[in-house]
Structures are given as C-alpha cells and as structure tokens.
C-alpha cells in the first residue's frame, strides 16, 4: 500500500458521472436537427438541466478538482470561468426577452377583456405597444446572437505539456459549453420568430388548420410568430365585424403564447440557477 500511486489519466473505465455527461451531450446533439417547436424547446431545456446537474457532480469529484486546480492548468480553468460567464449572459438575455414579452402579453389580455365589444382605441394603442416591445426584444436577441458567433465552434484543447486527465476534463467542459450555447441559440431564435413574418392572420390560420400544411411553414408558425401576425391583422381591420373576429383570434393565440412562455420561463430560470452554481464551483476550485 505504501507504494501505491494514482494514475494521472482517466481510468480505462470512465467514472459513471462522466458516462452520464456523455449520454446527455449525445441526446442534446441528436435533438439539434429536430423541428423547432415549443415542445422541442422545452425538451431541450429539460435535457440541459439534467446535463448541468451531472456537470455539477463532475466538478465535485476529487479527480476533477485536482486536475483543474493544478497551477499549470490555471489558464484553462480561467477560460472555463470566462465561458461560464458567457453562458450566464446569454441565459440572462433569454430571461429578459421572455419576461418582457410575458408582461406585454398579460397587459394585452387585460385590455382585451376590458374593451371587448366596446371602444377599440385603447386596444389598438396596447397592440401597437406590444408590437413595439417585440421589435425591441428582437433587436436585443440579434445582439445576443452576434455575440455567440465564433464561440460554439472552438477547437478542442490539446497540449503536449498537459496530462491526459486535464485535457479530457477541459474538453468535456468545453463540449458542455458549446451544447448549452446551441440550445440557447435555438431558444432565442424561437422567441424572435422567423425573419419574414406572415402579413395577415388568414395565412397563419391556414397554417394552423390545414391538414396538408408544408413542413417549413409549420416550423415557422411558432406561438410568438402567430401572435405577431394576429395582432398585425387586428390593427389592419377597419370594420367592427372583421375586427371582432381578429380580436377573438388574437385572444386565442395570446392564451397559447402565455402557456408557452410559462414553460420556457421555468426552464430558463432553473438553468440560470444551475449556471450560477457551476460558476461558483469553478471559482472555488481556482481559489483553492
């Protein structure tokens, strides 16, 4: 026992936590090609939570802490810290976009209930306020998306001066960062909606109800885009009859969007707390 030494590389049989991280990474990568819908986004957020739960367990392993705490690995640990900050920034952007839209949706639903069958001036004003807010959200998302460019495709780390254990851990955590950014990119794209919005509610209605809808149209008709189209149609109708119909359509879509936002808000909030926890773990490793 006095002559027993510990290997400086991952054992031939990986730790169960490492294997679990790999399984979650594989599941998330396979879902990247799936159609972007509210349910698929929520599934990705849920899978991402599971992944980061495993990452936290990985960071608590003595083997991981010893590798990242080595003085010669301080540069790479700092890089992982920078990455954790980027993830928090992107997650915060998603949180803000969801919260801002949620508040506008609730205000709009309230004004629709109060003005149903009555004066439409207040409703039109609130609709325009919502659409203006959506433009602000989209600009914020576009800025966040630009900041993602070049981050996802970083090459894996390798160095002849580093042990295999450290290289494996750093690369594994880089993979987690890249996959997390990809999921946030999907979420932000979903919230922003397609670049070319349908001009009238009739198009969205056909996309919703037609049994022979094209796949590409179906993907684009997410809850955010449907509400945008419904509200643009509402303020475009002049007669009370057509406006009443548009109000009903808008109200139905707002209810669906509110449910969608609720699910996404919960998922993003849980992820935000997990990302903070991961950053604290990395800081503790570096400071010890």
C-alpha atoms as a PDB file:
ATOM      1  CA  UNK A   1       0.000   0.000   0.000  1.00  0.00           C
ATOM      2  CA  UNK A   2       2.950   2.307   0.704  1.00  0.00           C
ATOM      3  CA  UNK A   3       3.999   2.116  -2.954  1.00  0.00           C
ATOM      4  CA  UNK A   4       0.507   2.608  -4.393  1.00  0.00           C
ATOM      5  CA  UNK A   5       0.318   5.510  -6.878  1.00  0.00           C
ATOM      6  CA  UNK A   6      -2.628   7.136  -8.608  1.00  0.00           C
ATOM      7  CA  UNK A   7      -2.851   7.377 -12.384  1.00  0.00           C
ATOM      8  CA  UNK A   8      -2.729  10.864 -13.908  1.00  0.00           C
ATOM      9  CA  UNK A   9      -5.133   9.946 -16.717  1.00  0.00           C
ATOM     10  CA  UNK A  10      -8.767   8.917 -16.841  1.00  0.00           C
ATOM     11  CA  UNK A  11      -9.127   5.220 -15.920  1.00  0.00           C
ATOM     12  CA  UNK A  12      -9.887   2.808 -18.754  1.00  0.00           C
ATOM     13  CA  UNK A  13     -13.437   2.536 -17.408  1.00  0.00           C
ATOM     14  CA  UNK A  14     -14.788   6.147 -17.122  1.00  0.00           C
ATOM     15  CA  UNK A  15     -16.480   7.293 -13.947  1.00  0.00           C
ATOM     16  CA  UNK A  16     -20.290   6.825 -14.108  1.00  0.00           C
ATOM     17  CA  UNK A  17     -20.763  10.616 -13.923  1.00  0.00           C
ATOM     18  CA  UNK A  18     -18.526  11.066 -16.986  1.00  0.00           C
ATOM     19  CA  UNK A  19     -20.559   8.481 -18.857  1.00  0.00           C
ATOM     20  CA  UNK A  20     -23.778  10.219 -17.820  1.00  0.00           C
ATOM     21  CA  UNK A  21     -22.471  13.571 -19.087  1.00  0.00           C
ATOM     22  CA  UNK A  22     -21.647  11.914 -22.427  1.00  0.00           C
ATOM     23  CA  UNK A  23     -25.151  10.458 -22.665  1.00  0.00           C
ATOM     24  CA  UNK A  24     -26.780  13.856 -22.095  1.00  0.00           C
ATOM     25  CA  UNK A  25     -24.438  15.504 -24.608  1.00  0.00           C
ATOM     26  CA  UNK A  26     -25.316  12.854 -27.191  1.00  0.00           C
ATOM     27  CA  UNK A  27     -29.049  13.315 -26.565  1.00  0.00           C
ATOM     28  CA  UNK A  28     -28.850  17.082 -26.958  1.00  0.00           C
ATOM     29  CA  UNK A  29     -26.754  16.865 -30.128  1.00  0.00           C
ATOM     30  CA  UNK A  30     -29.234  14.446 -31.687  1.00  0.00           C
ATOM     31  CA  UNK A  31     -32.076  16.873 -30.918  1.00  0.00           C
ATOM     32  CA  UNK A  32     -30.391  19.760 -32.761  1.00  0.00           C
ATOM     33  CA  UNK A  33     -31.766  18.574 -36.103  1.00  0.00           C
ATOM     34  CA  UNK A  34     -35.304  18.218 -34.737  1.00  0.00           C
ATOM     35  CA  UNK A  35     -38.003  20.695 -35.790  1.00  0.00           C
ATOM     36  CA  UNK A  36     -38.117  23.814 -33.632  1.00  0.00           C
ATOM     37  CA  UNK A  37     -41.394  23.864 -31.742  1.00  0.00           C
ATOM     38  CA  UNK A  38     -42.474  24.901 -28.278  1.00  0.00           C
ATOM     39  CA  UNK A  39     -42.428  21.307 -27.051  1.00  0.00           C
ATOM     40  CA  UNK A  40     -38.992  20.587 -28.569  1.00  0.00           C
ATOM     41  CA  UNK A  41     -37.533  23.749 -26.979  1.00  0.00           C
ATOM     42  CA  UNK A  42     -38.917  22.725 -23.578  1.00  0.00           C
ATOM     43  CA  UNK A  43     -37.469  19.222 -24.001  1.00  0.00           C
ATOM     44  CA  UNK A  44     -34.065  20.700 -24.803  1.00  0.00           C
ATOM     45  CA  UNK A  45     -34.199  22.962 -21.755  1.00  0.00           C
ATOM     46  CA  UNK A  46     -35.131  19.979 -19.587  1.00  0.00           C
ATOM     47  CA  UNK A  47     -32.308  17.870 -21.031  1.00  0.00           C
ATOM     48  CA  UNK A  48     -29.925  20.787 -20.496  1.00  0.00           C
ATOM     49  CA  UNK A  49     -30.912  20.941 -16.830  1.00  0.00           C
ATOM     50  CA  UNK A  50     -30.106  17.242 -16.482  1.00  0.00           C
ATOM     51  CA  UNK A  51     -26.758  17.791 -18.183  1.00  0.00           C
ATOM     52  CA  UNK A  52     -25.766  20.615 -15.839  1.00  0.00           C
ATOM     53  CA  UNK A  53     -26.826  18.580 -12.825  1.00  0.00           C
ATOM     54  CA  UNK A  54     -24.290  15.991 -13.947  1.00  0.00           C
ATOM     55  CA  UNK A  55     -21.668  18.672 -14.601  1.00  0.00           C
ATOM     56  CA  UNK A  56     -22.042  19.886 -11.033  1.00  0.00           C
ATOM     57  CA  UNK A  57     -21.441  16.327  -9.793  1.00  0.00           C
ATOM     58  CA  UNK A  58     -18.444  16.071 -12.120  1.00  0.00           C
ATOM     59  CA  UNK A  59     -16.964  19.258 -10.648  1.00  0.00           C
ATOM     60  CA  UNK A  60     -17.302  17.831  -7.137  1.00  0.00           C
ATOM     61  CA  UNK A  61     -15.161  14.786  -7.948  1.00  0.00           C
ATOM     62  CA  UNK A  62     -11.699  14.967  -6.295  1.00  0.00           C
ATOM     63  CA  UNK A  63     -10.167  13.862  -9.605  1.00  0.00           C
ATOM     64  CA  UNK A  64     -11.708  16.842 -11.423  1.00  0.00           C
ATOM     65  CA  UNK A  65     -10.835  19.339  -8.717  1.00  0.00           C
ATOM     66  CA  UNK A  66      -7.226  18.165  -8.532  1.00  0.00           C
ATOM     67  CA  UNK A  67      -6.826  18.452 -12.315  1.00  0.00           C
ATOM     68  CA  UNK A  68      -8.334  21.935 -12.604  1.00  0.00           C
ATOM     69  CA  UNK A  69      -6.573  23.251  -9.505  1.00  0.00           C
ATOM     70  CA  UNK A  70      -3.085  22.498 -10.820  1.00  0.00           C
ATOM     71  CA  UNK A  71      -1.063  25.661 -11.243  1.00  0.00           C
ATOM     72  CA  UNK A  72      -0.105  24.823 -14.826  1.00  0.00           C
ATOM     73  CA  UNK A  73      -3.820  24.480 -15.681  1.00  0.00           C
ATOM     74  CA  UNK A  74      -4.842  27.873 -14.290  1.00  0.00           C
ATOM     75  CA  UNK A  75      -5.111  29.350 -17.786  1.00  0.00           C
ATOM     76  CA  UNK A  76      -7.622  26.721 -18.875  1.00  0.00           C
ATOM     77  CA  UNK A  77      -9.627  26.970 -15.658  1.00  0.00           C
ATOM     78  CA  UNK A  78      -9.852  30.738 -16.198  1.00  0.00           C
ATOM     79  CA  UNK A  79     -11.044  30.080 -19.748  1.00  0.00           C
ATOM     80  CA  UNK A  80     -13.784  27.834 -18.384  1.00  0.00           C
ATOM     81  CA  UNK A  81     -14.721  30.621 -15.984  1.00  0.00           C
ATOM     82  CA  UNK A  82     -14.995  33.044 -18.909  1.00  0.00           C
ATOM     83  CA  UNK A  83     -17.191  30.510 -20.658  1.00  0.00           C
ATOM     84  CA  UNK A  84     -19.453  30.219 -17.616  1.00  0.00           C
ATOM     85  CA  UNK A  85     -19.875  33.995 -17.653  1.00  0.00           C
ATOM     86  CA  UNK A  86     -20.828  33.916 -21.350  1.00  0.00           C
ATOM     87  CA  UNK A  87     -23.453  31.277 -20.623  1.00  0.00           C
ATOM     88  CA  UNK A  88     -24.897  33.412 -17.822  1.00  0.00           C
ATOM     89  CA  UNK A  89     -25.028  36.449 -20.137  1.00  0.00           C
ATOM     90  CA  UNK A  90     -26.878  34.527 -22.849  1.00  0.00           C
ATOM     91  CA  UNK A  91     -29.228  32.952 -20.315  1.00  0.00           C
ATOM     92  CA  UNK A  92     -29.920  36.392 -18.845  1.00  0.00           C
ATOM     93  CA  UNK A  93     -30.775  37.720 -22.327  1.00  0.00           C
ATOM     94  CA  UNK A  94     -33.258  34.869 -22.786  1.00  0.00           C
ATOM     95  CA  UNK A  95     -34.769  35.538 -19.347  1.00  0.00           C
ATOM     96  CA  UNK A  96     -35.206  39.238 -20.106  1.00  0.00           C
ATOM     97  CA  UNK A  97     -36.789  38.556 -23.507  1.00  0.00           C
ATOM     98  CA  UNK A  98     -39.267  36.083 -22.018  1.00  0.00           C
ATOM     99  CA  UNK A  99     -40.146  38.339 -19.070  1.00  0.00           C
ATOM    100  CA  UNK A 100     -40.652  41.421 -21.249  1.00  0.00           C
ATOM    101  CA  UNK A 101     -42.905  39.503 -23.633  1.00  0.00           C
ATOM    102  CA  UNK A 102     -44.822  37.938 -20.733  1.00  0.00           C
ATOM    103  CA  UNK A 103     -45.594  41.337 -19.195  1.00  0.00           C
ATOM    104  CA  UNK A 104     -46.809  42.717 -22.530  1.00  0.00           C
ATOM    105  CA  UNK A 105     -48.960  39.639 -23.144  1.00  0.00           C
ATOM    106  CA  UNK A 106     -50.629  39.996 -19.749  1.00  0.00           C
ATOM    107  CA  UNK A 107     -51.262  43.720 -20.308  1.00  0.00           C
ATOM    108  CA  UNK A 108     -52.729  42.981 -23.722  1.00  0.00           C
ATOM    109  CA  UNK A 109     -55.004  40.235 -22.414  1.00  0.00           C
ATOM    110  CA  UNK A 110     -56.236  42.574 -19.691  1.00  0.00           C
ATOM    111  CA  UNK A 111     -57.081  45.379 -22.120  1.00  0.00           C
ATOM    112  CA  UNK A 112     -58.846  42.922 -24.466  1.00  0.00           C
ATOM    113  CA  UNK A 113     -61.082  41.738 -21.617  1.00  0.00           C
ATOM    114  CA  UNK A 114     -61.908  45.323 -20.606  1.00  0.00           C
ATOM    115  CA  UNK A 115     -62.640  46.615 -24.108  1.00  0.00           C
ATOM    116  CA  UNK A 116     -64.374  43.559 -25.567  1.00  0.00           C
ATOM    117  CA  UNK A 117     -67.233  44.882 -27.692  1.00  0.00           C
ATOM    118  CA  UNK A 118     -66.506  48.474 -26.728  1.00  0.00           C
ATOM    119  CA  UNK A 119     -64.087  51.259 -27.621  1.00  0.00           C
ATOM    120  CA  UNK A 120     -61.234  49.890 -29.726  1.00  0.00           C
ATOM    121  CA  UNK A 121     -58.886  52.874 -29.441  1.00  0.00           C
ATOM    122  CA  UNK A 122     -57.288  51.688 -26.189  1.00  0.00           C
ATOM    123  CA  UNK A 123     -56.900  48.180 -27.611  1.00  0.00           C
ATOM    124  CA  UNK A 124     -55.198  49.424 -30.773  1.00  0.00           C
ATOM    125  CA  UNK A 125     -52.826  51.505 -28.663  1.00  0.00           C
ATOM    126  CA  UNK A 126     -51.949  48.490 -26.481  1.00  0.00           C
ATOM    127  CA  UNK A 127     -51.433  46.303 -29.553  1.00  0.00           C
ATOM    128  CA  UNK A 128     -49.014  48.834 -31.023  1.00  0.00           C
ATOM    129  CA  UNK A 129     -47.221  48.962 -27.674  1.00  0.00           C
ATOM    130  CA  UNK A 130     -46.838  45.172 -27.738  1.00  0.00           C
ATOM    131  CA  UNK A 131     -45.540  45.164 -31.313  1.00  0.00           C
ATOM    132  CA  UNK A 132     -43.038  47.915 -30.459  1.00  0.00           C
ATOM    133  CA  UNK A 133     -41.865  45.899 -27.473  1.00  0.00           C
ATOM    134  CA  UNK A 134     -41.444  42.858 -29.736  1.00  0.00           C
ATOM    135  CA  UNK A 135     -39.178  44.866 -32.035  1.00  0.00           C
ATOM    136  CA  UNK A 136     -37.045  45.843 -29.053  1.00  0.00           C
ATOM    137  CA  UNK A 137     -36.862  42.208 -27.935  1.00  0.00           C
ATOM    138  CA  UNK A 138     -35.800  41.133 -31.424  1.00  0.00           C
ATOM    139  CA  UNK A 139     -33.031  43.730 -31.547  1.00  0.00           C
ATOM    140  CA  UNK A 140     -31.736  42.555 -28.162  1.00  0.00           C
ATOM    141  CA  UNK A 141     -31.827  38.952 -29.364  1.00  0.00           C
ATOM    142  CA  UNK A 142     -29.986  39.833 -32.576  1.00  0.00           C
ATOM    143  CA  UNK A 143     -27.245  41.440 -30.492  1.00  0.00           C
ATOM    144  CA  UNK A 144     -27.017  38.380 -28.257  1.00  0.00           C
ATOM    145  CA  UNK A 145     -26.892  36.076 -31.291  1.00  0.00           C
ATOM    146  CA  UNK A 146     -23.983  38.043 -32.753  1.00  0.00           C
ATOM    147  CA  UNK A 147     -22.074  37.547 -29.513  1.00  0.00           C
ATOM    148  CA  UNK A 148     -22.490  33.788 -29.936  1.00  0.00           C
ATOM    149  CA  UNK A 149     -20.701  33.706 -33.266  1.00  0.00           C
ATOM    150  CA  UNK A 150     -17.335  32.027 -33.086  1.00  0.00           C
ATOM    151  CA  UNK A 151     -17.887  30.665 -29.583  1.00  0.00           C
ATOM    152  CA  UNK A 152     -19.672  27.402 -30.428  1.00  0.00           C
ATOM    153  CA  UNK A 153     -17.009  26.063 -32.780  1.00  0.00           C
ATOM    154  CA  UNK A 154     -13.918  26.409 -30.673  1.00  0.00           C
ATOM    155  CA  UNK A 155     -11.427  23.637 -31.290  1.00  0.00           C
ATOM    156  CA  UNK A 156     -10.705  21.073 -28.602  1.00  0.00           C
ATOM    157  CA  UNK A 157      -7.764  21.726 -26.328  1.00  0.00           C
ATOM    158  CA  UNK A 158      -4.614  19.657 -26.608  1.00  0.00           C
ATOM    159  CA  UNK A 159      -1.081  20.249 -25.376  1.00  0.00           C
ATOM    160  CA  UNK A 160       1.975  18.022 -25.040  1.00  0.00           C
ATOM    161  CA  UNK A 161       2.722  19.763 -21.734  1.00  0.00           C
ATOM    162  CA  UNK A 162      -0.568  18.739 -20.102  1.00  0.00           C
ATOM    163  CA  UNK A 163      -1.585  15.357 -18.707  1.00  0.00           C
ATOM    164  CA  UNK A 164      -4.378  13.381 -20.349  1.00  0.00           C
ATOM    165  CA  UNK A 165      -6.622  13.806 -17.323  1.00  0.00           C
ATOM    166  CA  UNK A 166      -6.600  17.603 -17.517  1.00  0.00           C
ATOM    167  CA  UNK A 167      -7.083  17.617 -21.293  1.00  0.00           C
ATOM    168  CA  UNK A 168     -10.062  15.272 -21.021  1.00  0.00           C
ATOM    169  CA  UNK A 169     -11.760  17.318 -18.319  1.00  0.00           C
ATOM    170  CA  UNK A 170     -11.241  20.674 -20.056  1.00  0.00           C
ATOM    171  CA  UNK A 171     -12.510  19.332 -23.374  1.00  0.00           C
ATOM    172  CA  UNK A 172     -15.544  17.742 -21.722  1.00  0.00           C
ATOM    173  CA  UNK A 173     -16.498  21.036 -20.085  1.00  0.00           C
ATOM    174  CA  UNK A 174     -15.940  22.848 -23.403  1.00  0.00           C
ATOM    175  CA  UNK A 175     -18.354  20.425 -25.067  1.00  0.00           C
ATOM    176  CA  UNK A 176     -20.935  21.220 -22.400  1.00  0.00           C
ATOM    177  CA  UNK A 177     -20.457  24.942 -23.027  1.00  0.00           C
ATOM    178  CA  UNK A 178     -20.872  24.540 -26.800  1.00  0.00           C
ATOM    179  CA  UNK A 179     -24.029  22.425 -26.492  1.00  0.00           C
ATOM    180  CA  UNK A 180     -25.507  24.838 -23.947  1.00  0.00           C
ATOM    181  CA  UNK A 181     -24.891  27.786 -26.262  1.00  0.00           C
ATOM    182  CA  UNK A 182     -26.534  25.883 -29.130  1.00  0.00           C
ATOM    183  CA  UNK A 183     -29.680  25.306 -27.067  1.00  0.00           C
ATOM    184  CA  UNK A 184     -29.822  28.972 -26.053  1.00  0.00           C
ATOM    185  CA  UNK A 185     -29.399  29.929 -29.702  1.00  0.00           C
ATOM    186  CA  UNK A 186     -32.420  27.766 -30.585  1.00  0.00           C
ATOM    187  CA  UNK A 187     -34.423  29.359 -27.779  1.00  0.00           C
ATOM    188  CA  UNK A 188     -33.531  32.914 -28.799  1.00  0.00           C
ATOM    189  CA  UNK A 189     -34.349  32.156 -32.451  1.00  0.00           C
ATOM    190  CA  UNK A 190     -37.694  30.714 -31.376  1.00  0.00           C
ATOM    191  CA  UNK A 191     -38.563  33.806 -29.305  1.00  0.00           C
ATOM    192  CA  UNK A 192     -37.502  36.140 -32.117  1.00  0.00           C
ATOM    193  CA  UNK A 193     -39.551  34.231 -34.675  1.00  0.00           C
ATOM    194  CA  UNK A 194     -38.861  33.858 -38.402  1.00  0.00           C
ATOM    195  CA  UNK A 195     -37.317  36.814 -40.216  1.00  0.00           C
ATOM    196  CA  UNK A 196     -40.194  37.082 -42.649  1.00  0.00           C
ATOM    197  CA  UNK A 197     -43.424  37.319 -40.666  1.00  0.00           C
ATOM    198  CA  UNK A 198     -46.767  36.380 -42.286  1.00  0.00           C
ATOM    199  CA  UNK A 199     -48.595  39.580 -43.274  1.00  0.00           C
ATOM    200  CA  UNK A 200     -52.101  38.561 -42.393  1.00  0.00           C
ATOM    201  CA  UNK A 201     -53.901  36.371 -39.905  1.00  0.00           C
ATOM    202  CA  UNK A 202     -55.519  34.390 -42.744  1.00  0.00           C
ATOM    203  CA  UNK A 203     -52.128  32.891 -43.632  1.00  0.00           C
ATOM    204  CA  UNK A 204     -51.456  31.894 -40.036  1.00  0.00           C
ATOM    205  CA  UNK A 205     -54.960  30.458 -39.749  1.00  0.00           C
ATOM    206  CA  UNK A 206     -54.342  28.269 -42.795  1.00  0.00           C
ATOM    207  CA  UNK A 207     -51.027  27.168 -41.365  1.00  0.00           C
ATOM    208  CA  UNK A 208     -52.777  26.148 -38.161  1.00  0.00           C
ATOM    209  CA  UNK A 209     -55.816  24.365 -39.538  1.00  0.00           C
ATOM    210  CA  UNK A 210     -54.787  22.923 -42.883  1.00  0.00           C
ATOM    211  CA  UNK A 211     -54.024  19.202 -42.763  1.00  0.00           C
ATOM    212  CA  UNK A 212     -51.687  19.495 -45.727  1.00  0.00           C
ATOM    213  CA  UNK A 213     -49.510  22.271 -44.362  1.00  0.00           C
ATOM    214  CA  UNK A 214     -45.930  22.361 -45.604  1.00  0.00           C
ATOM    215  CA  UNK A 215     -43.247  21.348 -43.105  1.00  0.00           C
ATOM    216  CA  UNK A 216     -41.312  24.600 -43.424  1.00  0.00           C
ATOM    217  CA  UNK A 217     -44.432  26.705 -42.769  1.00  0.00           C
ATOM    218  CA  UNK A 218     -45.326  24.577 -39.778  1.00  0.00           C
ATOM    219  CA  UNK A 219     -41.901  25.122 -38.220  1.00  0.00           C
ATOM    220  CA  UNK A 220     -42.124  28.889 -38.684  1.00  0.00           C
ATOM    221  CA  UNK A 221     -45.605  29.179 -37.170  1.00  0.00           C
ATOM    222  CA  UNK A 222     -44.484  29.191 -33.536  1.00  0.00           C
ATOM    223  CA  UNK A 223     -46.531  30.843 -30.794  1.00  0.00           C
ATOM    224  CA  UNK A 224     -44.588  34.121 -30.839  1.00  0.00           C
ATOM    225  CA  UNK A 225     -44.899  34.500 -34.623  1.00  0.00           C
ATOM    226  CA  UNK A 226     -48.599  33.583 -34.566  1.00  0.00           C
ATOM    227  CA  UNK A 227     -49.365  36.328 -32.049  1.00  0.00           C
ATOM    228  CA  UNK A 228     -47.345  38.871 -34.038  1.00  0.00           C
ATOM    229  CA  UNK A 229     -49.314  38.025 -37.188  1.00  0.00           C
ATOM    230  CA  UNK A 230     -52.671  38.031 -35.382  1.00  0.00           C
ATOM    231  CA  UNK A 231     -52.052  41.478 -33.874  1.00  0.00           C
ATOM    232  CA  UNK A 232     -50.838  42.949 -37.163  1.00  0.00           C
ATOM    233  CA  UNK A 233     -54.055  41.678 -38.724  1.00  0.00           C
ATOM    234  CA  UNK A 234     -56.144  43.133 -35.882  1.00  0.00           C
ATOM    235  CA  UNK A 235     -54.914  46.708 -36.290  1.00  0.00           C
ATOM    236  CA  UNK A 236     -55.300  46.397 -40.063  1.00  0.00           C
ATOM    237  CA  UNK A 237     -59.043  45.726 -39.935  1.00  0.00           C
ATOM    238  CA  UNK A 238     -61.297  48.786 -40.032  1.00  0.00           C
ATOM    239  CA  UNK A 239     -64.844  47.396 -39.703  1.00  0.00           C
ATOM    240  CA  UNK A 240     -66.119  46.275 -36.310  1.00  0.00           C
ATOM    241  CA  UNK A 241     -67.163  42.876 -37.686  1.00  0.00           C
ATOM    242  CA  UNK A 242     -63.756  41.925 -39.040  1.00  0.00           C
ATOM    243  CA  UNK A 243     -62.015  43.486 -36.038  1.00  0.00           C
ATOM    244  CA  UNK A 244     -64.101  41.450 -33.589  1.00  0.00           C
ATOM    245  CA  UNK A 245     -63.078  38.282 -35.399  1.00  0.00           C
ATOM    246  CA  UNK A 246     -59.442  39.352 -35.317  1.00  0.00           C
ATOM    247  CA  UNK A 247     -59.706  40.122 -31.592  1.00  0.00           C
ATOM    248  CA  UNK A 248     -61.011  36.615 -30.955  1.00  0.00           C
ATOM    249  CA  UNK A 249     -58.185  35.094 -32.979  1.00  0.00           C
ATOM    250  CA  UNK A 250     -55.630  37.247 -31.161  1.00  0.00           C
ATOM    251  CA  UNK A 251     -57.035  36.315 -27.771  1.00  0.00           C
ATOM    252  CA  UNK A 252     -56.782  32.598 -28.559  1.00  0.00           C
ATOM    253  CA  UNK A 253     -53.186  32.947 -29.700  1.00  0.00           C
ATOM    254  CA  UNK A 254     -52.252  35.049 -26.661  1.00  0.00           C
ATOM    255  CA  UNK A 255     -53.511  32.279 -24.381  1.00  0.00           C
ATOM    256  CA  UNK A 256     -51.348  29.735 -26.198  1.00  0.00           C
ATOM    257  CA  UNK A 257     -48.351  32.042 -26.060  1.00  0.00           C
ATOM    258  CA  UNK A 258     -48.833  32.626 -22.332  1.00  0.00           C
ATOM    259  CA  UNK A 259     -48.724  28.865 -21.713  1.00  0.00           C
ATOM    260  CA  UNK A 260     -45.634  28.545 -23.910  1.00  0.00           C
ATOM    261  CA  UNK A 261     -43.895  31.392 -22.065  1.00  0.00           C
ATOM    262  CA  UNK A 262     -44.699  29.851 -18.688  1.00  0.00           C
ATOM    263  CA  UNK A 263     -42.954  26.593 -19.620  1.00  0.00           C
ATOM    264  CA  UNK A 264     -39.920  28.356 -21.072  1.00  0.00           C
ATOM    265  CA  UNK A 265     -39.646  30.777 -18.160  1.00  0.00           C
ATOM    266  CA  UNK A 266     -39.486  27.931 -15.654  1.00  0.00           C
ATOM    267  CA  UNK A 267     -36.858  26.071 -17.675  1.00  0.00           C
ATOM    268  CA  UNK A 268     -34.633  29.112 -18.167  1.00  0.00           C
ATOM    269  CA  UNK A 269     -34.894  30.144 -14.507  1.00  0.00           C
ATOM    270  CA  UNK A 270     -33.785  26.679 -13.354  1.00  0.00           C
ATOM    271  CA  UNK A 271     -30.882  26.774 -15.811  1.00  0.00           C
ATOM    272  CA  UNK A 272     -29.819  30.215 -14.626  1.00  0.00           C
ATOM    273  CA  UNK A 273     -29.537  28.954 -11.046  1.00  0.00           C
ATOM    274  CA  UNK A 274     -27.585  25.902 -12.196  1.00  0.00           C
ATOM    275  CA  UNK A 275     -25.165  28.026 -14.225  1.00  0.00           C
ATOM    276  CA  UNK A 276     -24.508  30.201 -11.185  1.00  0.00           C
ATOM    277  CA  UNK A 277     -23.831  27.058  -9.164  1.00  0.00           C
ATOM    278  CA  UNK A 278     -21.362  25.816 -11.786  1.00  0.00           C
ATOM    279  CA  UNK A 279     -19.543  29.139 -11.815  1.00  0.00           C
ATOM    280  CA  UNK A 280     -19.264  29.112  -8.019  1.00  0.00           C
ATOM    281  CA  UNK A 281     -17.827  25.575  -8.159  1.00  0.00           C
ATOM    282  CA  UNK A 282     -15.198  26.663 -10.698  1.00  0.00           C
ATOM    283  CA  UNK A 283     -14.294  29.714  -8.604  1.00  0.00           C
ATOM    284  CA  UNK A 284     -13.908  27.547  -5.521  1.00  0.00           C
ATOM    285  CA  UNK A 285     -11.597  25.167  -7.389  1.00  0.00           C
ATOM    286  CA  UNK A 286      -9.461  28.029  -8.687  1.00  0.00           C
ATOM    287  CA  UNK A 287      -9.253  29.732  -5.280  1.00  0.00           C
ATOM    288  CA  UNK A 288      -8.147  26.578  -3.509  1.00  0.00           C
END
